[in-house]
Amino acid sequence: MTSTDKPIIVKCPTCLRPVSWTPEQEHKPFCCERCKLIDLGEWAMEEKRIPGEALELENDDGEDAFFH
C-alpha cells in the first residue's frame, strides 16, 4: 500500500466504530480486544447462530459420532 492509498474502513461488528483494514490493526474486523471478546461470548452463549438446520451428531447406538 502506498502513502496515497487509503485503507478500507469497516465498522466494528460489536460497537460499529470505524476500523482501518490494515496489517497493524490486530483485532480486525473488531476495533479492540474487548469487542472481539464480547462477540466470542455471544457465540458461546448461543446468542448468535448460523441459520440452517441443526446437524445430527448422534449415531444409531446413541454415542456422539462427531468425536469418533
PDB file of N, CA and C in Angstrom:
ATOM      1  N   MET A   1       0.852  -1.173   0.000  1.00  0.00           N
ATOM      2  CA  MET A   1       0.000   0.000   0.000  1.00  0.00           C
ATOM      3  C   MET A   1       0.894   1.232   0.000  1.00  0.00           C
ATOM      4  N   THR A   2       0.663   2.139  -0.917  1.00  0.00           N
ATOM      5  CA  THR A   2       1.454   3.359  -0.967  1.00  0.00           C
ATOM      6  C   THR A   2       0.827   4.406  -0.070  1.00  0.00           C
ATOM      7  N   SER A   3       1.558   5.506   0.134  1.00  0.00           N
ATOM      8  CA  SER A   3       1.057   6.545   1.031  1.00  0.00           C
ATOM      9  C   SER A   3      -0.184   7.245   0.472  1.00  0.00           C
ATOM     10  N   THR A   4      -0.425   7.122  -0.836  1.00  0.00           N
ATOM     11  CA  THR A   4      -1.618   7.743  -1.413  1.00  0.00           C
ATOM     12  C   THR A   4      -2.836   6.842  -1.331  1.00  0.00           C
ATOM     13  N   ASP A   5      -2.634   5.559  -1.095  1.00  0.00           N
ATOM     14  CA  ASP A   5      -3.766   4.632  -0.952  1.00  0.00           C
ATOM     15  C   ASP A   5      -4.396   4.787   0.420  1.00  0.00           C
ATOM     16  N   LYS A   6      -5.714   4.845   0.425  1.00  0.00           N
ATOM     17  CA  LYS A   6      -6.429   4.912   1.700  1.00  0.00           C
ATOM     18  C   LYS A   6      -6.840   3.505   2.090  1.00  0.00           C
ATOM     19  N   PRO A   7      -6.688   3.140   3.358  1.00  0.00           N
ATOM     20  CA  PRO A   7      -7.124   1.801   3.775  1.00  0.00           C
ATOM     21  C   PRO A   7      -8.639   1.692   3.740  1.00  0.00           C
ATOM     22  N   ILE A   8      -9.099   0.489   3.573  1.00  0.00           N
ATOM     23  CA  ILE A   8     -10.539   0.227   3.627  1.00  0.00           C
ATOM     24  C   ILE A   8     -10.988   0.437   5.071  1.00  0.00           C
ATOM     25  N   ILE A   9     -12.104   1.074   5.236  1.00  0.00           N
ATOM     26  CA  ILE A   9     -12.673   1.307   6.565  1.00  0.00           C
ATOM     27  C   ILE A   9     -13.925   0.436   6.685  1.00  0.00           C
ATOM     28  N   VAL A  10     -13.976  -0.387   7.742  1.00  0.00           N
ATOM     29  CA  VAL A  10     -15.146  -1.213   8.033  1.00  0.00           C
ATOM     30  C   VAL A  10     -15.678  -0.824   9.401  1.00  0.00           C
ATOM     31  N   LYS A  11     -16.890  -1.236   9.698  1.00  0.00           N
ATOM     32  CA  LYS A  11     -17.467  -0.968  11.018  1.00  0.00           C
ATOM     33  C   LYS A  11     -17.231  -2.170  11.917  1.00  0.00           C
ATOM     34  N   CYS A  12     -16.841  -1.915  13.143  1.00  0.00           N
ATOM     35  CA  CYS A  12     -16.695  -2.975  14.137  1.00  0.00           C
ATOM     36  C   CYS A  12     -18.065  -3.637  14.301  1.00  0.00           C
ATOM     37  N   PRO A  13     -18.140  -4.977  14.203  1.00  0.00           N
ATOM     38  CA  PRO A  13     -19.434  -5.662  14.331  1.00  0.00           C
ATOM     39  C   PRO A  13     -20.094  -5.490  15.701  1.00  0.00           C
ATOM     40  N   THR A  14     -19.307  -5.164  16.712  1.00  0.00           N
ATOM     41  CA  THR A  14     -19.857  -5.047  18.060  1.00  0.00           C
ATOM     42  C   THR A  14     -20.320  -3.631  18.384  1.00  0.00           C
ATOM     43  N   CYS A  15     -19.442  -2.640  18.176  1.00  0.00           N
ATOM     44  CA  CYS A  15     -19.776  -1.271  18.588  1.00  0.00           C
ATOM     45  C   CYS A  15     -19.975  -0.310  17.420  1.00  0.00           C
ATOM     46  N   LEU A  16     -19.714  -0.774  16.208  1.00  0.00           N
ATOM     47  CA  LEU A  16     -19.900  -0.009  14.975  1.00  0.00           C
ATOM     48  C   LEU A  16     -18.911   1.144  14.785  1.00  0.00           C
ATOM     49  N   ARG A  17     -17.834   1.174  15.556  1.00  0.00           N
ATOM     50  CA  ARG A  17     -16.785   2.177  15.327  1.00  0.00           C
ATOM     51  C   ARG A  17     -16.065   1.870  14.025  1.00  0.00           C
ATOM     52  N   PRO A  18     -15.526   2.905  13.356  1.00  0.00           N
ATOM     53  CA  PRO A  18     -14.762   2.646  12.138  1.00  0.00           C
ATOM     54  C   PRO A  18     -13.435   1.953  12.452  1.00  0.00           C
ATOM     55  N   VAL A  19     -13.063   0.967  11.624  1.00  0.00           N
ATOM     56  CA  VAL A  19     -11.829   0.207  11.804  1.00  0.00           C
ATOM     57  C   VAL A  19     -11.079   0.206  10.474  1.00  0.00           C
ATOM     58  N   SER A  20      -9.817   0.604  10.501  1.00  0.00           N
ATOM     59  CA  SER A  20      -8.988   0.566   9.293  1.00  0.00           C
ATOM     60  C   SER A  20      -8.557  -0.867   9.031  1.00  0.00           C
ATOM     61  N   TRP A  21      -8.711  -1.313   7.790  1.00  0.00           N
ATOM     62  CA  TRP A  21      -8.313  -2.678   7.422  1.00  0.00           C
ATOM     63  C   TRP A  21      -6.849  -2.628   6.991  1.00  0.00           C
ATOM     64  N   THR A  22      -5.967  -2.658   8.004  1.00  0.00           N
ATOM     65  CA  THR A  22      -4.528  -2.590   7.762  1.00  0.00           C
ATOM     66  C   THR A  22      -3.843  -3.706   8.537  1.00  0.00           C
ATOM     67  N   PRO A  23      -2.613  -4.065   8.140  1.00  0.00           N
ATOM     68  CA  PRO A  23      -1.888  -5.107   8.880  1.00  0.00           C
ATOM     69  C   PRO A  23      -1.649  -4.741  10.354  1.00  0.00           C
ATOM     70  N   GLU A  24      -1.584  -3.462  10.642  1.00  0.00           N
ATOM     71  CA  GLU A  24      -1.336  -3.022  12.022  1.00  0.00           C
ATOM     72  C   GLU A  24      -2.541  -3.227  12.931  1.00  0.00           C
ATOM     73  N   GLN A  25      -3.721  -3.314  12.351  1.00  0.00           N
ATOM     74  CA  GLN A  25      -4.947  -3.499  13.148  1.00  0.00           C
ATOM     75  C   GLN A  25      -5.056  -4.983  13.514  1.00  0.00           C
ATOM     76  N   GLU A  26      -4.675  -5.300  14.744  1.00  0.00           N
ATOM     77  CA  GLU A  26      -4.579  -6.689  15.205  1.00  0.00           C
ATOM     78  C   GLU A  26      -5.929  -7.384  15.378  1.00  0.00           C
ATOM     79  N   HIS A  27      -6.966  -6.640  15.638  1.00  0.00           N
ATOM     80  CA  HIS A  27      -8.247  -7.252  16.016  1.00  0.00           C
ATOM     81  C   HIS A  27      -9.300  -7.184  14.922  1.00  0.00           C
ATOM     82  N   LYS A  28      -8.907  -6.804  13.703  1.00  0.00           N
ATOM     83  CA  LYS A  28      -9.909  -6.638  12.647  1.00  0.00           C
ATOM     84  C   LYS A  28     -10.714  -7.901  12.444  1.00  0.00           C
ATOM     85  N   PRO A  29     -11.972  -7.839  12.217  1.00  0.00           N
ATOM     86  CA  PRO A  29     -12.762  -6.652  11.912  1.00  0.00           C
ATOM     87  C   PRO A  29     -13.213  -5.880  13.149  1.00  0.00           C
ATOM     88  N   PHE A  30     -12.762  -6.281  14.317  1.00  0.00           N
ATOM     89  CA  PHE A  30     -13.143  -5.589  15.552  1.00  0.00           C
ATOM     90  C   PHE A  30     -12.197  -4.432  15.819  1.00  0.00           C
ATOM     91  N   CYS A  31     -12.659  -3.455  16.596  1.00  0.00           N
ATOM     92  CA  CYS A  31     -11.819  -2.294  16.889  1.00  0.00           C
ATOM     93  C   CYS A  31     -10.839  -2.562  18.022  1.00  0.00           C
ATOM     94  N   CYS A  32     -11.159  -3.528  18.889  1.00  0.00           N
ATOM     95  CA  CYS A  32     -10.292  -3.798  20.035  1.00  0.00           C
ATOM     96  C   CYS A  32     -10.547  -5.210  20.571  1.00  0.00           C
ATOM     97  N   GLU A  33      -9.704  -5.629  21.476  1.00  0.00           N
ATOM     98  CA  GLU A  33      -9.831  -6.954  22.089  1.00  0.00           C
ATOM     99  C   GLU A  33     -11.168  -7.096  22.816  1.00  0.00           C
ATOM    100  N   ARG A  34     -11.612  -6.032  23.476  1.00  0.00           N
ATOM    101  CA  ARG A  34     -12.873  -6.082  24.226  1.00  0.00           C
ATOM    102  C   ARG A  34     -14.043  -6.436  23.310  1.00  0.00           C
ATOM    103  N   CYS A  35     -14.149  -5.752  22.165  1.00  0.00           N
ATOM    104  CA  CYS A  35     -15.244  -6.034  21.230  1.00  0.00           C
ATOM    105  C   CYS A  35     -15.128  -7.452  20.676  1.00  0.00           C
ATOM    106  N   LYS A  36     -13.917  -7.896  20.448  1.00  0.00           N
ATOM    107  CA  LYS A  36     -13.684  -9.263  19.955  1.00  0.00           C
ATOM    108  C   LYS A  36     -14.190 -10.291  20.974  1.00  0.00           C
ATOM    109  N   LEU A  37     -13.897 -10.063  22.256  1.00  0.00           N
ATOM    110  CA  LEU A  37     -14.322 -10.991  23.305  1.00  0.00           C
ATOM    111  C   LEU A  37     -15.829 -10.938  23.551  1.00  0.00           C
ATOM    112  N   ILE A  38     -16.419  -9.765  23.405  1.00  0.00           N
ATOM    113  CA  ILE A  38     -17.879  -9.658  23.531  1.00  0.00           C
ATOM    114  C   ILE A  38     -18.537 -10.519  22.462  1.00  0.00           C
ATOM    115  N   ASP A  39     -18.050 -10.434  21.225  1.00  0.00           N
ATOM    116  CA  ASP A  39     -18.599 -11.227  20.128  1.00  0.00           C
ATOM    117  C   ASP A  39     -18.415 -12.719  20.388  1.00  0.00           C
ATOM    118  N   LEU A  40     -17.238 -13.112  20.838  1.00  0.00           N
ATOM    119  CA  LEU A  40     -16.985 -14.521  21.152  1.00  0.00           C
ATOM    120  C   LEU A  40     -17.952 -15.020  22.219  1.00  0.00           C
ATOM    121  N   GLY A  41     -18.190 -14.217  23.243  1.00  0.00           N
ATOM    122  CA  GLY A  41     -19.118 -14.586  24.303  1.00  0.00           C
ATOM    123  C   GLY A  41     -20.537 -14.772  23.780  1.00  0.00           C
ATOM    124  N   GLU A  42     -20.952 -13.926  22.834  1.00  0.00           N
ATOM    125  CA  GLU A  42     -22.286 -14.065  22.257  1.00  0.00           C
ATOM    126  C   GLU A  42     -22.420 -15.376  21.491  1.00  0.00           C
ATOM    127  N   TRP A  43     -21.371 -15.793  20.777  1.00  0.00           N
ATOM    128  CA  TRP A  43     -21.400 -17.084  20.078  1.00  0.00           C
ATOM    129  C   TRP A  43     -21.406 -18.226  21.093  1.00  0.00           C
ATOM    130  N   ALA A  44     -20.598 -18.112  22.147  1.00  0.00           N
ATOM    131  CA  ALA A  44     -20.511 -19.178  23.150  1.00  0.00           C
ATOM    132  C   ALA A  44     -21.832 -19.362  23.899  1.00  0.00           C
ATOM    133  N   MET A  45     -22.549 -18.273  24.125  1.00  0.00           N
ATOM    134  CA  MET A  45     -23.840 -18.343  24.825  1.00  0.00           C
ATOM    135  C   MET A  45     -24.990 -18.634  23.856  1.00  0.00           C
ATOM    136  N   GLU A  46     -24.646 -18.897  22.595  1.00  0.00           N
ATOM    137  CA  GLU A  46     -25.608 -19.200  21.536  1.00  0.00           C
ATOM    138  C   GLU A  46     -26.604 -18.069  21.296  1.00  0.00           C
ATOM    139  N   GLU A  47     -26.163 -16.825  21.554  1.00  0.00           N
ATOM    140  CA  GLU A  47     -26.980 -15.668  21.210  1.00  0.00           C
ATOM    141  C   GLU A  47     -26.900 -15.407  19.712  1.00  0.00           C
ATOM    142  N   LYS A  48     -25.825 -15.863  19.086  1.00  0.00           N
ATOM    143  CA  LYS A  48     -25.657 -15.766  17.636  1.00  0.00           C
ATOM    144  C   LYS A  48     -25.598 -17.179  17.084  1.00  0.00           C
ATOM    145  N   ARG A  49     -26.147 -17.362  15.873  1.00  0.00           N
ATOM    146  CA  ARG A  49     -26.136 -18.671  15.231  1.00  0.00           C
ATOM    147  C   ARG A  49     -26.056 -18.495  13.734  1.00  0.00           C
ATOM    148  N   ILE A  50     -25.577 -19.518  13.070  1.00  0.00           N
ATOM    149  CA  ILE A  50     -25.606 -19.568  11.620  1.00  0.00           C
ATOM    150  C   ILE A  50     -26.929 -20.210  11.240  1.00  0.00           C
ATOM    151  N   PRO A  51     -27.728 -19.542  10.405  1.00  0.00           N
ATOM    152  CA  PRO A  51     -29.040 -20.097  10.063  1.00  0.00           C
ATOM    153  C   PRO A  51     -28.924 -21.422   9.304  1.00  0.00           C
ATOM    154  N   GLY A  52     -29.877 -22.263   9.533  1.00  0.00           N
ATOM    155  CA  GLY A  52     -29.937 -23.545   8.837  1.00  0.00           C
ATOM    156  C   GLY A  52     -30.367 -24.647   9.772  1.00  0.00           C
ATOM    157  N   GLU A  53     -30.493 -25.826   9.222  1.00  0.00           N
ATOM    158  CA  GLU A  53     -30.891 -26.990  10.001  1.00  0.00           C
ATOM    159  C   GLU A  53     -29.729 -27.449  10.895  1.00  0.00           C
ATOM    160  N   ALA A  54     -30.049 -27.895  12.091  1.00  0.00           N
ATOM    161  CA  ALA A  54     -29.040 -28.427  13.004  1.00  0.00           C
ATOM    162  C   ALA A  54     -28.521 -29.752  12.458  1.00  0.00           C
ATOM    163  N   LEU A  55     -27.245 -30.019  12.676  1.00  0.00           N
ATOM    164  CA  LEU A  55     -26.661 -31.282  12.243  1.00  0.00           C
ATOM    165  C   LEU A  55     -26.962 -32.370  13.252  1.00  0.00           C
ATOM    166  N   GLU A  56     -27.227 -33.557  12.786  1.00  0.00           N
ATOM    167  CA  GLU A  56     -27.443 -34.711  13.659  1.00  0.00           C
ATOM    168  C   GLU A  56     -26.070 -35.235  14.065  1.00  0.00           C
ATOM    169  N   LEU A  57     -25.763 -35.221  15.351  1.00  0.00           N
ATOM    170  CA  LEU A  57     -24.450 -35.627  15.828  1.00  0.00           C
ATOM    171  C   LEU A  57     -24.435 -37.002  16.474  1.00  0.00           C
ATOM    172  N   GLU A  58     -25.569 -37.646  16.605  1.00  0.00           N
ATOM    173  CA  GLU A  58     -25.620 -38.964  17.247  1.00  0.00           C
ATOM    174  C   GLU A  58     -25.798 -40.057  16.203  1.00  0.00           C
ATOM    175  N   ASN A  59     -25.120 -41.199  16.421  1.00  0.00           N
ATOM    176  CA  ASN A  59     -25.334 -42.341  15.527  1.00  0.00           C
ATOM    177  C   ASN A  59     -26.394 -43.259  16.139  1.00  0.00           C
ATOM    178  N   ASP A  60     -26.592 -44.422  15.552  1.00  0.00           N
ATOM    179  CA  ASP A  60     -27.680 -45.310  15.975  1.00  0.00           C
ATOM    180  C   ASP A  60     -27.559 -45.816  17.401  1.00  0.00           C
ATOM    181  N   ASP A  61     -26.324 -45.971  17.932  1.00  0.00           N
ATOM    182  CA  ASP A  61     -26.191 -46.506  19.296  1.00  0.00           C
ATOM    183  C   ASP A  61     -26.179 -45.412  20.362  1.00  0.00           C
ATOM    184  N   GLY A  62     -26.510 -44.168  19.980  1.00  0.00           N
ATOM    185  CA  GLY A  62     -26.644 -43.100  20.960  1.00  0.00           C
ATOM    186  C   GLY A  62     -25.336 -42.403  21.327  1.00  0.00           C
ATOM    187  N   GLU A  63     -24.216 -42.824  20.740  1.00  0.00           N
ATOM    188  CA  GLU A  63     -22.946 -42.165  21.043  1.00  0.00           C
ATOM    189  C   GLU A  63     -22.761 -40.957  20.133  1.00  0.00           C
ATOM    190  N   ASP A  64     -21.984 -40.039  20.584  1.00  0.00           N
ATOM    191  CA  ASP A  64     -21.702 -38.839  19.807  1.00  0.00           C
ATOM    192  C   ASP A  64     -20.730 -39.182  18.694  1.00  0.00           C
ATOM    193  N   ALA A  65     -21.214 -39.273  17.465  1.00  0.00           N
ATOM    194  CA  ALA A  65     -20.401 -39.688  16.316  1.00  0.00           C
ATOM    195  C   ALA A  65     -19.447 -38.604  15.864  1.00  0.00           C
ATOM    196  N   PHE A  66     -19.670 -37.378  16.256  1.00  0.00           N
ATOM    197  CA  PHE A  66     -18.824 -36.272  15.829  1.00  0.00           C
ATOM    198  C   PHE A  66     -17.380 -36.453  16.285  1.00  0.00           C
ATOM    199  N   PHE A  67     -17.160 -37.031  17.446  1.00  0.00           N
ATOM    200  CA  PHE A  67     -15.824 -37.158  18.014  1.00  0.00           C
ATOM    201  C   PHE A  67     -15.191 -38.512  17.775  1.00  0.00           C
ATOM    202  N   HIS A  68     -15.768 -39.336  16.940  1.00  0.00           N
ATOM    203  CA  HIS A  68     -15.214 -40.664  16.658  1.00  0.00           C
ATOM    204  C   HIS A  68     -14.541 -40.706  15.327  1.00  0.00           C
TER     205      HIS A  68
END
